């Protein structure tokens, strides 16, 4: 029985089912985008308030960091991102300068990843990096795929400050891969669902905590800052 794995083309033959890039262990962007949207918007608003015109920043791909783009349209920054939708939105709707790494676009997660060390990220220096995570615990930031860990560790090394955007559910989430220790994190921005135990964990590690409060009526963010180590 013929399996028809090849088809005849001009000058030879090609595979009917060409090999695809291996998928990564992360939920699709379209699935995550609508989850806890009010909290993500409040967290993103607090993150953008940290940005000043003229600064260089890194924004890692993710659905929480994506919510920053709507407010970043009023800024003029140098933005390095591995997120295809973040780059596309800023190019269309802002005057920010946008930099992208070299690599393949993983369609389900809408991010650009490269298995090679030289993807262009080593030439970009940033005041701070904004990123999400799979989980956040006493050992640090966690991710679910080695490719993501490799890409994010390279980007973290290019920024003075690491700002983690994590809704309160991320403090209960766990993964098998550790991305970086708590000591590397400068600031965590979360929503008011964070419990006292998680807040105490960040304080003990000397991590600055910003709680973005989301009003039930108008869905606007009210930000409360708790700087670890203050009396």
Protein backbone atom coordinates (compact mmCIF):
# COMPACT_ATOMS: atom_id res chain seq x y z
CA UNK A 1 0.00 0.00 0.00
CA UNK A 2 1.36 3.43 -0.96
CA UNK A 3 1.77 5.82 1.96
CA UNK A 4 2.32 8.86 -0.28
CA UNK A 5 4.90 10.53 1.95
CA UNK A 6 6.41 12.38 -1.04
CA UNK A 7 4.96 14.37 -3.91
CA UNK A 8 6.56 15.12 -7.25
CA UNK A 9 7.67 18.75 -7.76
CA UNK A 10 9.74 20.47 -10.42
CA UNK A 11 13.30 19.19 -10.11
CA UNK A 12 12.58 16.46 -7.56
CA UNK A 13 10.25 15.63 -4.67
CA UNK A 14 9.23 17.12 -1.35
CA UNK A 15 7.64 15.77 1.81
CA UNK A 16 3.84 16.01 1.99
CA UNK A 17 4.12 16.53 5.76
CA UNK A 18 7.28 18.60 6.35
CA UNK A 19 8.76 18.51 9.87
CA UNK A 20 7.48 21.18 12.23
CA UNK A 21 9.21 23.00 15.06
CA UNK A 22 8.76 21.05 18.26
CA UNK A 23 6.19 22.73 20.48
CA UNK A 24 7.18 24.04 23.89
CA UNK A 25 5.66 23.23 27.25
CA UNK A 26 3.51 26.32 27.69
CA UNK A 27 -0.19 27.03 27.29
CA UNK A 28 -1.19 28.81 24.06
CA UNK A 29 -1.33 32.60 24.15
CA UNK A 30 -5.00 32.51 23.09
CA UNK A 31 -5.91 30.33 26.09
CA UNK A 32 -4.11 32.46 28.69
CA UNK A 33 -5.08 35.83 27.23
CA UNK A 34 -8.57 35.95 28.75
CA UNK A 35 -7.69 34.50 32.17
CA UNK A 36 -7.72 36.94 35.14
CA UNK A 37 -7.80 39.83 32.68
CA UNK A 38 -8.72 42.55 35.20
CA UNK A 39 -5.80 41.55 37.43
CA UNK A 40 -3.40 41.47 34.47
CA UNK A 41 -4.45 44.94 33.38
CA UNK A 42 -3.97 46.35 36.87
CA UNK A 43 -0.53 44.72 37.16
CA UNK A 44 0.47 45.99 33.73
CA UNK A 45 -0.60 49.54 34.60
CA UNK A 46 1.66 49.50 37.65
CA UNK A 47 4.51 48.19 35.50
CA UNK A 48 4.18 50.94 32.89
CA UNK A 49 4.21 53.56 35.63
CA UNK A 50 7.81 52.50 36.31
CA UNK A 51 8.86 53.43 32.76
CA UNK A 52 10.25 56.85 31.83
CA UNK A 53 10.63 58.22 28.31
CA UNK A 54 14.06 57.56 26.86
CA UNK A 55 14.69 54.39 28.85
CA UNK A 56 15.64 51.02 27.41
CA UNK A 57 13.53 48.11 28.63
CA UNK A 58 13.07 44.40 27.90
CA UNK A 59 9.59 42.88 27.85
CA UNK A 60 9.35 39.12 27.80
CA UNK A 61 6.52 37.41 25.95
CA UNK A 62 3.38 36.59 27.92
CA UNK A 63 -0.25 37.56 28.35
CA UNK A 64 0.33 39.74 31.43
CA UNK A 65 3.22 41.64 29.86
CA UNK A 66 1.13 42.02 26.70
CA UNK A 67 -1.31 44.17 28.66
CA UNK A 68 1.47 46.76 28.99
CA UNK A 69 1.31 47.65 25.29
CA UNK A 70 -1.90 49.67 25.48
CA UNK A 71 -0.33 52.11 27.93
CA UNK A 72 3.11 52.04 26.34
CA UNK A 73 1.68 53.70 23.23
CA UNK A 74 1.99 57.03 25.06
CA UNK A 75 5.70 56.43 25.83
CA UNK A 76 8.88 56.79 23.81
CA UNK A 77 11.16 53.96 24.84
CA UNK A 78 13.62 51.50 23.37
CA UNK A 79 11.91 48.14 23.74
CA UNK A 80 13.52 44.74 23.22
CA UNK A 81 10.94 41.94 23.18
CA UNK A 82 10.66 38.32 22.09
CA UNK A 83 6.88 38.69 21.89
CA UNK A 84 5.54 38.94 18.35
CA UNK A 85 2.18 40.55 19.36
CA UNK A 86 3.91 43.09 21.64
CA UNK A 87 6.28 44.10 18.84
CA UNK A 88 3.45 44.27 16.30
CA UNK A 89 1.25 46.45 18.51
CA UNK A 90 4.03 48.88 19.40
CA UNK A 91 5.09 49.20 15.76
CA UNK A 92 1.54 49.99 14.66
CA UNK A 93 0.38 52.20 17.52
CA UNK A 94 3.40 53.91 19.10
CA UNK A 95 6.65 55.74 18.45
CA UNK A 96 8.71 53.37 20.59
CA UNK A 97 11.81 51.87 19.00
CA UNK A 98 11.35 48.09 18.86
CA UNK A 99 14.09 45.43 18.80
CA UNK A 100 13.54 41.71 18.17
CA UNK A 101 15.83 38.70 18.66
CA UNK A 102 16.62 36.32 15.83
CA UNK A 103 14.80 33.01 15.94
CA UNK A 104 11.68 31.09 15.05
CA UNK A 105 8.16 32.25 15.90
CA UNK A 106 6.32 29.69 18.01
CA UNK A 107 2.78 30.35 16.85
CA UNK A 108 0.84 28.97 19.81
CA UNK A 109 2.72 31.10 22.35
CA UNK A 110 3.41 34.00 19.93
CA UNK A 111 7.04 34.24 21.01
CA UNK A 112 10.38 34.22 19.21
CA UNK A 113 12.89 31.64 20.43
CA UNK A 114 16.28 30.53 19.19
CA UNK A 115 18.30 27.46 20.20
CA UNK A 116 21.48 29.41 19.39
CA UNK A 117 23.39 31.64 21.78
CA UNK A 118 23.85 34.47 19.30
CA UNK A 119 20.33 35.76 18.72
CA UNK A 120 21.07 39.48 19.08
CA UNK A 121 19.97 39.82 22.70
CA UNK A 122 23.57 40.11 23.97
CA UNK A 123 23.96 43.49 22.27
CA UNK A 124 21.00 45.14 24.05
CA UNK A 125 21.31 46.69 27.51
CA UNK A 126 18.23 47.68 29.54
CA UNK A 127 17.43 49.54 32.72
CA UNK A 128 14.90 46.87 33.60
CA UNK A 129 13.26 43.74 32.30
CA UNK A 130 9.56 42.98 32.71
CA UNK A 131 8.53 39.33 32.62
CA UNK A 132 5.88 36.86 33.70
CA UNK A 133 6.44 33.34 34.99
CA UNK A 134 4.95 29.87 35.40
CA UNK A 135 5.31 29.97 39.17
CA UNK A 136 6.96 31.91 41.99
CA UNK A 137 8.12 30.24 45.19
CA UNK A 138 10.80 30.28 47.90
CA UNK A 139 13.46 29.00 45.48
CA UNK A 140 12.65 31.63 42.87
CA UNK A 141 11.04 31.94 39.45
CA UNK A 142 9.89 28.78 37.70
CA UNK A 143 9.22 27.94 34.06
CA UNK A 144 7.98 24.84 32.31
CA UNK A 145 10.25 24.44 29.27
CA UNK A 146 14.05 24.40 28.81
CA UNK A 147 13.83 26.60 25.69
CA UNK A 148 11.99 29.28 27.67
CA UNK A 149 14.49 29.06 30.51
CA UNK A 150 17.41 29.42 28.10
CA UNK A 151 15.89 32.45 26.34
CA UNK A 152 14.78 34.19 29.53
CA UNK A 153 18.09 33.69 31.33
CA UNK A 154 19.87 35.41 28.43
CA UNK A 155 17.48 38.36 28.62
CA UNK A 156 17.69 38.64 32.41
CA UNK A 157 21.45 39.02 32.09
CA UNK A 158 20.98 42.13 29.92
CA UNK A 159 19.01 44.18 32.48
CA UNK A 160 19.94 45.93 35.71
CA UNK A 161 16.56 45.29 37.36
CA UNK A 162 14.22 42.33 36.99
CA UNK A 163 10.53 43.14 37.45
CA UNK A 164 8.20 40.13 37.66
CA UNK A 165 4.54 40.53 36.73
CA UNK A 166 2.70 37.69 38.46
CA UNK A 167 -0.95 37.47 39.44
CA UNK A 168 -1.58 36.02 42.88
CA UNK A 169 -2.29 32.50 41.58
CA UNK A 170 1.35 32.17 40.51
CA UNK A 171 2.48 31.90 44.15
CA UNK A 172 0.73 28.52 44.40
CA UNK A 173 1.89 27.29 40.99
CA UNK A 174 4.95 25.07 40.67
CA UNK A 175 7.16 23.75 37.87
CA UNK A 176 10.18 21.50 37.58
CA UNK A 177 12.54 24.13 36.11
CA UNK A 178 14.06 26.96 38.13
CA UNK A 179 14.70 30.11 36.10
CA UNK A 180 16.41 32.32 38.70
CA UNK A 181 16.54 32.73 42.49
CA UNK A 182 14.47 35.30 44.38
CA UNK A 183 17.66 37.26 45.06
CA UNK A 184 17.86 38.20 41.36
CA UNK A 185 14.39 39.79 41.39
CA UNK A 186 14.18 43.50 42.12
CA UNK A 187 10.40 43.92 42.14
CA UNK A 188 7.28 41.77 42.04
CA UNK A 189 4.00 43.32 40.89
CA UNK A 190 0.89 41.30 41.77
CA UNK A 191 -2.80 41.75 42.58
CA UNK A 192 -4.49 42.07 45.96
CA UNK A 193 -5.20 38.35 46.08
CA UNK A 194 -1.67 37.76 47.38
CA UNK A 195 -1.69 36.14 50.82
CA UNK A 196 0.41 37.09 53.84
CA UNK A 197 2.67 34.06 53.48
CA UNK A 198 3.68 34.97 49.93
CA UNK A 199 4.20 38.60 50.89
CA UNK A 200 6.40 37.55 53.82
CA UNK A 201 8.43 35.30 51.51
CA UNK A 202 9.23 38.26 49.24
CA UNK A 203 10.02 40.52 52.19
CA UNK A 204 12.44 37.96 53.63
CA UNK A 205 14.24 37.84 50.27
CA UNK A 206 14.49 41.63 50.09
CA UNK A 207 12.19 41.83 47.04
CA UNK A 208 10.18 45.02 46.55
CA UNK A 209 6.45 44.24 46.40
CA UNK A 210 3.87 46.31 44.52
CA UNK A 211 0.21 45.32 44.90
CA UNK A 212 -2.07 46.50 42.09
CA UNK A 213 -5.62 46.71 43.38
CA UNK A 214 -8.42 46.27 40.88
CA UNK A 215 -11.69 48.07 41.70
CA UNK A 216 -14.84 46.00 41.18
CA UNK A 217 -16.84 48.91 39.78
CA UNK A 218 -14.60 50.75 37.33
CA UNK A 219 -11.87 48.07 36.94
CA UNK A 220 -9.12 50.69 37.33
CA UNK A 221 -5.95 49.98 39.20
CA UNK A 222 -5.12 51.41 42.59
CA UNK A 223 -1.48 50.68 43.40
CA UNK A 224 -0.11 50.07 46.87
CA UNK A 225 3.61 49.70 47.37
CA UNK A 226 5.22 47.68 50.14
CA UNK A 227 8.98 48.07 49.99
CA UNK A 228 10.67 45.12 51.66
CA UNK A 229 12.79 46.12 54.57
CA UNK A 230 10.87 49.32 55.41
CA UNK A 231 9.62 49.75 58.91
